[in-house]
Protein backbone atom coordinates (compact mmCIF):
# COMPACT_ATOMS: atom_id res chain seq x y z
CA MET A 1 24.88 19.44 -12.66
CA ALA A 2 21.69 19.82 -10.94
CA GLU A 3 19.63 18.56 -13.81
CA ASP A 4 22.08 15.56 -14.24
CA SER A 5 21.58 14.59 -10.75
CA ASP A 6 18.06 14.49 -11.16
CA LEU A 7 18.50 12.19 -14.03
CA GLU A 8 20.66 9.82 -12.32
CA LYS A 9 18.60 6.94 -10.75
CA THR A 10 19.76 7.14 -7.01
CA GLU A 11 16.14 6.53 -5.23
CA PRO A 12 14.77 3.50 -4.65
CA ALA A 13 11.79 1.86 -6.65
CA SER A 14 8.36 3.11 -5.26
CA PRO A 15 5.17 0.84 -4.51
CA ARG A 16 3.78 1.74 -7.53
CA ARG A 17 7.07 1.35 -9.48
CA LEU A 18 7.38 -2.41 -8.05
CA GLU A 19 3.34 -3.00 -8.65
CA GLN A 20 4.07 -2.03 -12.47
CA ALA A 21 7.25 -4.23 -12.62
CA ARG A 22 5.08 -7.19 -11.50
CA GLU A 23 1.96 -6.32 -14.06
CA GLU A 24 4.75 -6.66 -16.67
CA GLY A 25 6.04 -10.04 -15.38
CA GLN A 26 9.20 -8.68 -13.66
CA VAL A 27 9.72 -10.47 -10.37
CA PRO A 28 12.90 -11.08 -8.65
CA GLN A 29 14.35 -14.93 -9.91
CA SER A 30 17.07 -17.36 -9.49
CA ARG A 31 17.77 -20.25 -11.42
CA GLU A 32 19.86 -21.63 -9.21
CA LEU A 33 17.15 -21.87 -6.10
CA SER A 34 14.70 -23.29 -8.87
CA ALA A 35 17.16 -25.79 -9.95
CA PHE A 36 18.64 -26.74 -6.26
CA LEU A 37 15.15 -27.18 -4.94
CA VAL A 38 13.86 -29.66 -8.03
CA LEU A 39 17.47 -31.49 -7.62
CA ILE A 40 17.19 -31.86 -3.65
CA SER A 41 13.56 -32.67 -3.91
CA GLY A 42 14.24 -35.48 -6.96
CA ALA A 43 17.16 -36.96 -5.30
CA GLY A 44 15.19 -36.80 -1.93
CA ALA A 45 12.11 -38.60 -3.42
CA LEU A 46 14.30 -41.14 -5.13
CA TRP A 47 16.09 -41.58 -1.55
CA VAL A 48 12.74 -42.35 0.02
CA THR A 49 11.25 -44.25 -2.64
CA GLY A 50 14.31 -45.95 -4.65
CA SER A 51 13.74 -49.62 -3.26
CA TRP A 52 9.94 -49.20 -3.90
CA MET A 53 10.04 -48.01 -7.59
CA VAL A 54 12.92 -50.15 -8.63
CA GLN A 55 11.21 -53.16 -7.33
CA ASN A 56 8.04 -51.93 -9.08
CA ILE A 57 9.61 -51.13 -12.72
CA ALA A 58 11.66 -54.47 -12.28
CA ASP A 59 8.64 -56.24 -11.85
CA LEU A 60 6.85 -53.84 -14.80
CA VAL A 61 9.58 -54.99 -17.11
CA ARG A 62 9.23 -58.56 -16.48
CA ARG A 63 5.86 -58.82 -17.21
CA GLY A 64 6.43 -56.38 -20.37
CA LEU A 65 8.34 -58.72 -22.02
CA THR A 66 6.34 -61.78 -21.01
CA LEU A 67 4.47 -63.01 -24.06
CA ASP A 68 1.42 -64.93 -23.46
CA ARG A 69 1.09 -67.82 -26.53
CA SER A 70 -2.55 -66.99 -26.85
CA ALA A 71 -2.35 -63.61 -27.21
CA ALA A 72 0.43 -63.66 -29.85
CA PHE A 73 -2.60 -64.61 -32.17
CA ASP A 74 -4.42 -61.57 -31.00
CA PRO A 75 -3.90 -58.18 -33.04
CA ALA A 76 -5.38 -56.02 -30.29
CA ALA A 77 -3.38 -57.61 -27.45
CA PRO A 78 -0.03 -56.06 -27.64
CA ALA A 79 -1.85 -52.40 -27.84
CA MET A 80 -3.68 -53.08 -24.91
CA ALA A 81 -1.27 -54.51 -22.92
CA PHE A 82 1.29 -51.42 -23.43
CA ALA A 83 -1.61 -49.26 -22.50
CA GLY A 84 -2.02 -51.11 -19.47
CA LEU A 85 2.02 -51.24 -18.88
CA ALA A 86 1.97 -47.43 -19.47
CA GLY A 87 -0.56 -46.57 -17.16
CA GLU A 88 1.10 -48.48 -14.40
CA ALA A 89 4.36 -46.79 -15.11
CA LEU A 90 2.24 -43.24 -14.75
CA VAL A 91 1.26 -44.30 -11.57
CA LEU A 92 4.72 -45.84 -10.54
CA ILE A 93 6.54 -42.67 -11.20
CA GLY A 94 3.70 -39.71 -10.53
CA PRO A 95 4.84 -39.25 -7.04
CA LEU A 96 8.22 -38.17 -8.41
CA LEU A 97 6.40 -36.40 -10.91
CA LEU A 98 4.51 -34.28 -8.50
CA VAL A 99 7.46 -33.67 -6.21
CA LEU A 100 9.34 -32.04 -9.04
CA VAL A 101 6.44 -30.12 -10.18
CA VAL A 102 6.14 -28.57 -6.55
CA ALA A 103 9.71 -27.72 -6.35
CA ALA A 104 9.85 -25.84 -9.83
CA LEU A 105 6.98 -23.73 -8.33
CA ALA A 106 8.16 -23.35 -4.92
CA GLY A 107 11.14 -21.34 -6.42
CA PRO A 108 9.67 -18.41 -8.14
CA LEU A 109 7.06 -18.40 -5.41
CA MET A 110 9.83 -17.96 -2.77
CA LEU A 111 11.09 -15.02 -4.20
CA GLY A 112 8.61 -13.32 -6.38
CA GLY A 113 5.32 -14.71 -4.69
CA LEU A 114 2.29 -15.50 -7.28
CA ASN A 115 2.18 -13.37 -10.25
CA LEU A 116 0.32 -14.16 -13.40
CA SER A 117 0.68 -11.52 -15.95
CA SER A 118 0.10 -11.61 -19.43
CA LYS A 119 2.18 -9.05 -20.44
CA ALA A 120 5.29 -11.13 -19.90
CA LEU A 121 3.81 -13.33 -23.08
CA THR A 122 3.62 -10.26 -25.35
CA PRO A 123 6.76 -10.58 -28.02
CA ASP A 124 9.07 -7.97 -27.40
CA TRP A 125 11.10 -7.13 -30.68
CA THR A 126 13.83 -5.11 -28.71
CA ARG A 127 15.45 -8.31 -27.88
CA LEU A 128 16.29 -8.87 -31.05
CA ASP A 129 18.50 -5.45 -31.49
CA PRO A 130 22.35 -6.69 -31.86
CA ILE A 131 23.74 -3.72 -30.25
CA LYS A 132 21.35 -4.47 -26.66
CA GLY A 133 22.11 -8.17 -27.40
CA PHE A 134 26.07 -7.24 -27.56
CA GLY A 135 25.27 -5.24 -24.20
CA ARG A 136 24.03 -7.74 -22.33
CA MET A 137 26.80 -10.04 -23.40
CA PHE A 138 28.91 -7.82 -21.31
CA SER A 139 26.28 -6.88 -18.74
CA ILE A 140 26.97 -7.48 -14.83
CA ASN A 141 24.27 -10.52 -14.98
CA SER A 142 26.23 -11.98 -18.15
CA ILE A 143 29.81 -12.06 -15.94
CA SER A 144 27.88 -12.94 -12.68
CA GLU A 145 26.44 -16.42 -14.58
CA LEU A 146 29.64 -16.93 -16.18
CA VAL A 147 31.37 -16.66 -12.69
CA LYS A 148 28.87 -18.94 -11.26
CA ALA A 149 29.12 -21.52 -13.87
CA ILE A 150 32.91 -21.45 -13.19
CA PHE A 151 32.36 -21.82 -9.57
CA LYS A 152 29.63 -24.82 -10.15
CA SER A 153 31.96 -26.72 -12.32
CA LEU A 154 34.74 -26.58 -9.78
CA LEU A 155 32.64 -27.34 -6.42
CA ILE A 156 30.61 -30.57 -8.22
CA SER A 157 34.27 -31.76 -9.73
CA GLY A 158 35.73 -31.48 -6.17
CA VAL A 159 32.58 -33.46 -4.89
CA VAL A 160 32.38 -35.94 -7.16
CA ILE A 161 36.42 -36.58 -6.74
CA TRP A 162 36.12 -36.54 -3.19
CA VAL A 163 33.35 -39.47 -3.66
CA VAL A 164 35.67 -41.38 -5.66
CA LEU A 165 38.36 -41.00 -3.35
CA ASN A 166 36.16 -42.06 -0.56
CA GLU A 167 33.93 -45.22 -2.13
CA LYS A 168 37.30 -46.75 -4.04
CA ASP A 169 37.02 -49.63 -2.10
CA GLN A 170 33.56 -50.34 -2.64
CA LEU A 171 33.51 -49.43 -6.05
CA PHE A 172 36.34 -51.97 -6.10
CA ALA A 173 34.58 -54.71 -4.57
CA LEU A 174 31.91 -54.67 -6.85
CA ILE A 175 33.73 -56.85 -9.20
CA GLY A 176 32.82 -59.68 -6.87
CA GLN A 177 29.66 -59.09 -6.10
CA PRO A 178 26.30 -60.92 -7.64
CA ILE A 179 24.92 -58.92 -9.96
CA GLU A 180 21.49 -57.80 -8.02
CA ALA A 181 23.46 -56.96 -4.80
CA GLY A 182 26.28 -55.05 -7.18
CA LEU A 183 23.24 -53.06 -8.98
CA HIS A 184 22.18 -52.07 -5.11
CA SER A 185 25.13 -51.06 -4.08
CA VAL A 186 26.00 -48.86 -7.37
CA GLY A 187 22.74 -47.45 -7.13
CA ARG A 188 22.98 -46.30 -3.23
CA THR A 189 26.47 -44.99 -4.08
CA ILE A 190 25.12 -42.99 -7.26
CA LEU A 191 22.11 -41.65 -4.91
CA PHE A 192 24.47 -40.36 -1.92
CA SER A 193 26.66 -38.87 -4.66
CA ALA A 194 23.52 -36.96 -6.22
CA LEU A 195 22.66 -35.71 -2.80
CA LEU A 196 25.93 -34.50 -1.81
CA ILE A 197 26.53 -32.95 -5.18
CA VAL A 198 23.31 -30.83 -4.64
CA ALA A 199 23.06 -30.35 -1.01
CA SER A 200 26.92 -28.44 -1.94
CA MET A 201 24.76 -26.26 -4.52
CA PHE A 202 23.54 -24.43 -1.15
CA LEU A 203 26.64 -22.50 -1.35
CA ILE A 204 25.89 -20.97 -4.88
CA VAL A 205 22.50 -20.35 -3.74
CA ALA A 206 23.19 -18.63 -0.97
CA ALA A 207 24.84 -16.37 -2.66
CA ASP A 208 22.61 -15.93 -5.91
CA VAL A 209 19.77 -15.03 -3.63
CA PRO A 210 20.89 -12.22 -2.35
CA PHE A 211 22.53 -10.83 -5.62
CA GLN A 212 19.24 -11.35 -7.36
CA LEU A 213 17.17 -9.47 -4.82
CA TRP A 214 19.74 -6.50 -5.08
CA GLN A 215 20.22 -6.44 -8.90
CA TYR A 216 16.38 -6.43 -9.30
CA GLN A 217 16.11 -3.34 -6.62
CA GLU A 218 18.70 -1.82 -8.44
CA LYS A 219 17.02 -1.93 -11.94
CA LEU A 220 14.20 -0.43 -11.12
CA ARG A 221 15.77 2.35 -9.57
CA MET A 222 14.05 5.63 -10.11
CA SER A 223 15.45 9.14 -10.78
CA LYS A 224 14.65 12.50 -8.67
CA GLU A 225 12.31 13.19 -12.09
CA GLU A 226 10.82 9.99 -12.24
CA VAL A 227 9.93 10.34 -8.24
CA ARG A 228 8.46 13.96 -8.97
CA ARG A 229 6.44 12.81 -12.31
CA GLU A 230 5.21 9.85 -10.47
CA MET A 231 3.84 12.07 -7.65
CA LYS A 232 2.29 14.35 -9.94
CA GLU A 233 0.52 11.46 -11.71
CA LEU A 234 -0.90 10.27 -8.27
CA GLU A 235 -1.66 13.49 -6.61
CA GLY A 236 -2.31 15.67 -9.65
CA ASP A 237 -0.49 18.94 -10.82
CA PRO A 238 -0.01 20.79 -7.51
CA GLN A 239 -0.46 24.01 -9.57
CA LEU A 240 -3.79 22.81 -10.87
CA LYS A 241 -4.68 21.65 -7.33
CA ALA A 242 -3.86 25.30 -6.05
CA ARG A 243 -6.10 26.70 -8.17
CA ILE A 244 -8.98 24.55 -7.42
CA ARG A 245 -8.84 24.99 -4.28
CA SER A 246 -8.63 28.65 -4.62
CA GLN A 247 -11.97 28.09 -6.46
CA GLN A 248 -13.27 26.80 -4.16
CA ARG A 249 -12.55 28.74 -1.37
CA GLU A 250 -13.88 31.48 -3.27
CA VAL A 251 -16.85 29.81 -3.74
CA ALA A 252 -17.69 29.37 -0.15
CA ARG A 253 -16.45 32.81 0.78
CA ARG A 254 -19.28 34.19 -2.23
CA ARG A 255 -21.48 31.66 -0.30
CA MET A 256 -20.66 32.71 3.13
CA MET A 257 -21.06 36.36 2.19
CA ALA A 258 -24.72 35.80 0.78
CA ALA A 259 -25.36 34.50 3.93
CA VAL A 260 -24.85 37.77 5.95
CA PRO A 261 -27.75 39.77 5.08
CA LYS A 262 -29.83 36.57 6.90
CA ALA A 263 -27.78 36.92 10.15
CA GLN A 264 -29.07 38.49 13.25
CA VAL A 265 -26.08 40.09 14.45
CA VAL A 266 -22.37 40.20 13.61
CA VAL A 267 -19.92 40.47 16.36
CA THR A 268 -16.63 42.19 16.01
CA ASN A 269 -13.16 42.41 17.47
CA PRO A 270 -13.77 45.19 16.44
CA THR A 271 -11.40 45.35 13.42
CA HIS A 272 -9.80 41.83 13.18
CA PHE A 273 -12.64 39.35 13.46
CA ALA A 274 -16.19 39.36 12.71
CA VAL A 275 -18.47 36.53 12.77
CA ALA A 276 -22.25 36.53 12.05
CA LEU A 277 -24.97 34.65 13.79
CA ALA A 278 -28.11 33.37 12.52
CA TYR A 279 -30.96 31.97 14.95
CA ASP A 280 -34.58 30.66 14.80
CA GLU A 281 -37.05 28.38 16.39
CA LYS A 282 -36.24 25.45 14.28
CA MET A 283 -32.42 25.86 15.76
CA PRO A 284 -31.14 24.26 18.68
CA ALA A 285 -28.58 27.35 19.28
CA PRO A 286 -27.29 29.82 16.79
CA ARG A 287 -25.61 28.97 14.46
CA VAL A 288 -22.36 30.75 12.61
CA VAL A 289 -23.16 31.66 8.98
CA ALA A 290 -20.07 33.60 8.61
CA LYS A 291 -16.55 34.57 9.82
CA GLY A 292 -13.50 35.78 8.94
CA ARG A 293 -10.38 38.08 9.81
CA GLY A 294 -8.71 40.68 8.30
CA LEU A 295 -10.06 41.90 4.89
CA ILE A 296 -12.63 39.41 4.97
CA ALA A 297 -13.89 40.83 8.33
CA GLN A 298 -13.67 44.12 6.92
CA ARG A 299 -16.01 42.87 3.77
CA ILE A 300 -18.62 40.93 6.33
CA ARG A 301 -18.88 44.55 8.59
CA GLU A 302 -19.60 46.64 5.32
CA ILE A 303 -22.35 44.02 3.72
CA ALA A 304 -23.96 44.02 7.51
CA LYS A 305 -24.13 48.07 7.63
CA GLU A 306 -25.41 47.38 3.94
CA SER A 307 -28.10 45.26 4.70
CA GLY A 308 -28.60 46.42 8.31
CA VAL A 309 -27.72 43.49 10.28
CA PRO A 310 -26.76 44.86 13.88
CA LEU A 311 -22.55 45.32 14.40
CA LEU A 312 -21.90 44.37 18.44
CA GLU A 313 -18.22 45.12 19.59
CA ALA A 314 -17.24 41.71 22.07
CA PRO A 315 -13.58 41.22 21.11
CA PRO A 316 -13.31 38.04 23.39
CA LEU A 317 -16.27 36.70 22.13
CA ALA A 318 -15.45 37.53 18.43
CA ARG A 319 -12.03 35.56 18.93
CA ALA A 320 -13.92 32.61 20.69
CA LEU A 321 -16.54 32.19 18.06
CA TYR A 322 -13.86 32.66 15.31
CA ALA A 323 -11.25 30.14 17.22
CA HIS A 324 -13.67 27.00 17.90
CA THR A 325 -16.15 27.33 15.19
CA GLU A 326 -16.56 26.21 11.24
CA LEU A 327 -19.29 27.62 9.04
CA ASP A 328 -22.56 26.53 9.58
CA ASP A 329 -21.55 25.12 13.41
CA ILE A 330 -23.79 25.47 16.36
CA ILE A 331 -21.85 27.75 18.78
CA PRO A 332 -20.36 25.79 21.76
CA SER A 333 -22.24 25.33 24.60
CA ALA A 334 -19.79 26.99 26.75
CA LEU A 335 -20.66 30.31 25.00
CA TYR A 336 -24.32 30.05 25.22
CA ARG A 337 -24.88 32.53 28.08
CA ALA A 338 -22.60 35.13 26.12
CA VAL A 339 -24.59 34.46 23.09
CA ALA A 340 -27.91 34.54 24.63
CA GLU A 341 -27.26 37.92 25.98
CA VAL A 342 -26.06 39.27 22.72
CA MET A 343 -29.25 37.75 21.23
CA ALA A 344 -31.69 39.42 23.62
CA TYR A 345 -29.95 42.78 23.15
CA VAL A 346 -30.56 42.40 19.45
CA TYR A 347 -34.06 41.64 19.86
CA GLN A 348 -34.52 44.69 22.32
CA LEU A 349 -32.76 46.72 19.39
CA ASN A 350 -35.36 45.59 16.79
CA ALA A 351 -38.10 46.31 19.27
CA TYR A 352 -36.42 49.95 19.62
CA LEU A 353 -36.16 50.41 16.40
CA ALA A 354 -39.80 49.07 15.34
CA GLN A 355 -41.73 50.58 18.15
CA GLY A 356 -39.27 53.74 19.58
CA GLY A 357 -38.99 54.18 23.20
CA ARG A 358 -36.16 53.52 25.42
CA PRO A 359 -33.04 52.43 23.38
CA PRO A 360 -31.33 49.30 25.06
CA ARG A 361 -28.02 48.93 26.50
CA ALA A 362 -25.59 46.71 24.92
CA PRO A 363 -24.20 44.36 26.56
CA ALA A 364 -20.79 45.44 28.01
CA GLU A 365 -19.52 42.36 29.97
CA LEU A 366 -20.40 39.33 28.31
CA PRO A 367 -19.54 36.00 30.45
CA VAL A 368 -16.73 34.54 27.98
CA PRO A 369 -14.87 31.43 29.35
CA THR A 370 -10.99 32.27 29.45
CA GLU A 371 -9.98 29.00 28.19
CA LEU A 372 -11.76 30.02 25.03
CA ASP A 373 -10.13 33.09 24.61
CA PRO A 374 -7.28 32.66 22.24
CA GLY A 375 -6.34 36.25 22.68
CA GLY A 376 -5.26 35.75 26.46
CA ARG A 377 -6.64 38.81 27.75
CA ARG A 378 -10.42 39.60 28.96
CA GLU A 379 -11.70 42.93 28.70
CA ARG A 380 -13.81 41.93 31.92
CA GLY A 381 -12.72 40.56 35.00
CA THR A 382 -15.00 37.58 36.18
CA GLY A 383 -15.19 34.12 35.14
CA GLN A 384 -18.29 33.23 35.97
CA GLY A 385 -19.27 32.36 32.46
CA LEU A 386 -18.25 28.82 32.37
CA LYS A 387 -20.71 27.49 34.88
CA HIS A 388 -23.47 29.24 33.02
CA HIS A 389 -22.73 27.72 29.94
CA CYS A 390 -25.59 25.36 30.02
CA PHE A 391 -28.43 28.56 29.67
CA LEU A 392 -30.76 27.91 27.38
CA TRP A 393 -32.57 30.22 24.97
CA THR A 394 -35.70 31.11 27.84
CA ARG A 395 -34.23 34.75 27.99
CA VAL A 396 -34.58 35.02 24.57
CA LYS A 397 -37.90 33.09 24.38
CA ASP A 398 -39.28 35.44 26.98
CA ILE A 399 -38.24 38.54 24.88
CA GLU A 400 -39.73 37.01 22.02
CA SER A 401 -43.02 36.45 23.42
CA VAL A 402 -43.42 40.12 24.80
CA MET A 403 -42.65 41.40 21.29
CA PRO A 404 -45.11 42.33 19.00
């Protein structure tokens, strides 16, 4: 049952699915909207320019039927006259054609936007399948088109009947009018009827556009399995990504462990955390070259012992360094003094090991600001470290200067 539910198209189309549909030429369309815009624009243009067009067309016809005696004996004259009249006729109907073209393009643009797709021109031989064709005959789209056709017929018939009944007196009055006046009255009545019929189609458009948008979204709905497959394609296989991250962590860990022997000191918790610090004269301050907790911290301590790198137990400082630094980061300025005391101890310890004498005393209370210690407990009671965080490496430099 769970597998069946995963295959049901219950999820809305993703942005990628919508983009793929647009690339294939699938955009929401409404024939009723396009037809309405073309008809209402054409009727409106005729209403505005009708008198001007009728007068100019009548003059054009009159001149076309007038034959000059001299032109009757010129074989090229009729062709030239016809070409001239055709050009004038095109100029007359040009504005109307332009309005109709703009209206025809406005309908699809209003719903689907501008979309140029070559895939829509590719022949689709599956549409010749009689089984699928039979299914399309009884699909929800075909039923909706049938309902719209019936409703349009009833609506237009009703409007025509109302116009005839409303204008019957003027229609009967045409019998006694001159031809020119009668033609003008008939044209006005026909144009008014056309505008009224087209305007009544707005009811069909108002119902068809939301239906087409809903049907488009329903057609592109996805199953949960398709959503998961798309996420895999976009983001990659989670298992593969996990293996890559694991390998990256392993490479970083090996690189980090290789840097431990080059460190000057390893600060420990003593067992939970370990942070290795390195420093030379080219650095503005000591740098974290390795850090870890748990088993990684244990491994850092082992490598440090094998390499002769001093270990110093300083739980607050180890916790603060681990929490507030990343690999290859310079230590925070608030920890300058505490780390300076550690480095001074390391230099004294190295001098003792090289020359003998009096062994140095390990620092017992390091000035680590309370807000930097995530452990919440300080092993020293003072909080004077914060105001000395700008301590630079003067003490370390002094110790270096007296070392042989």
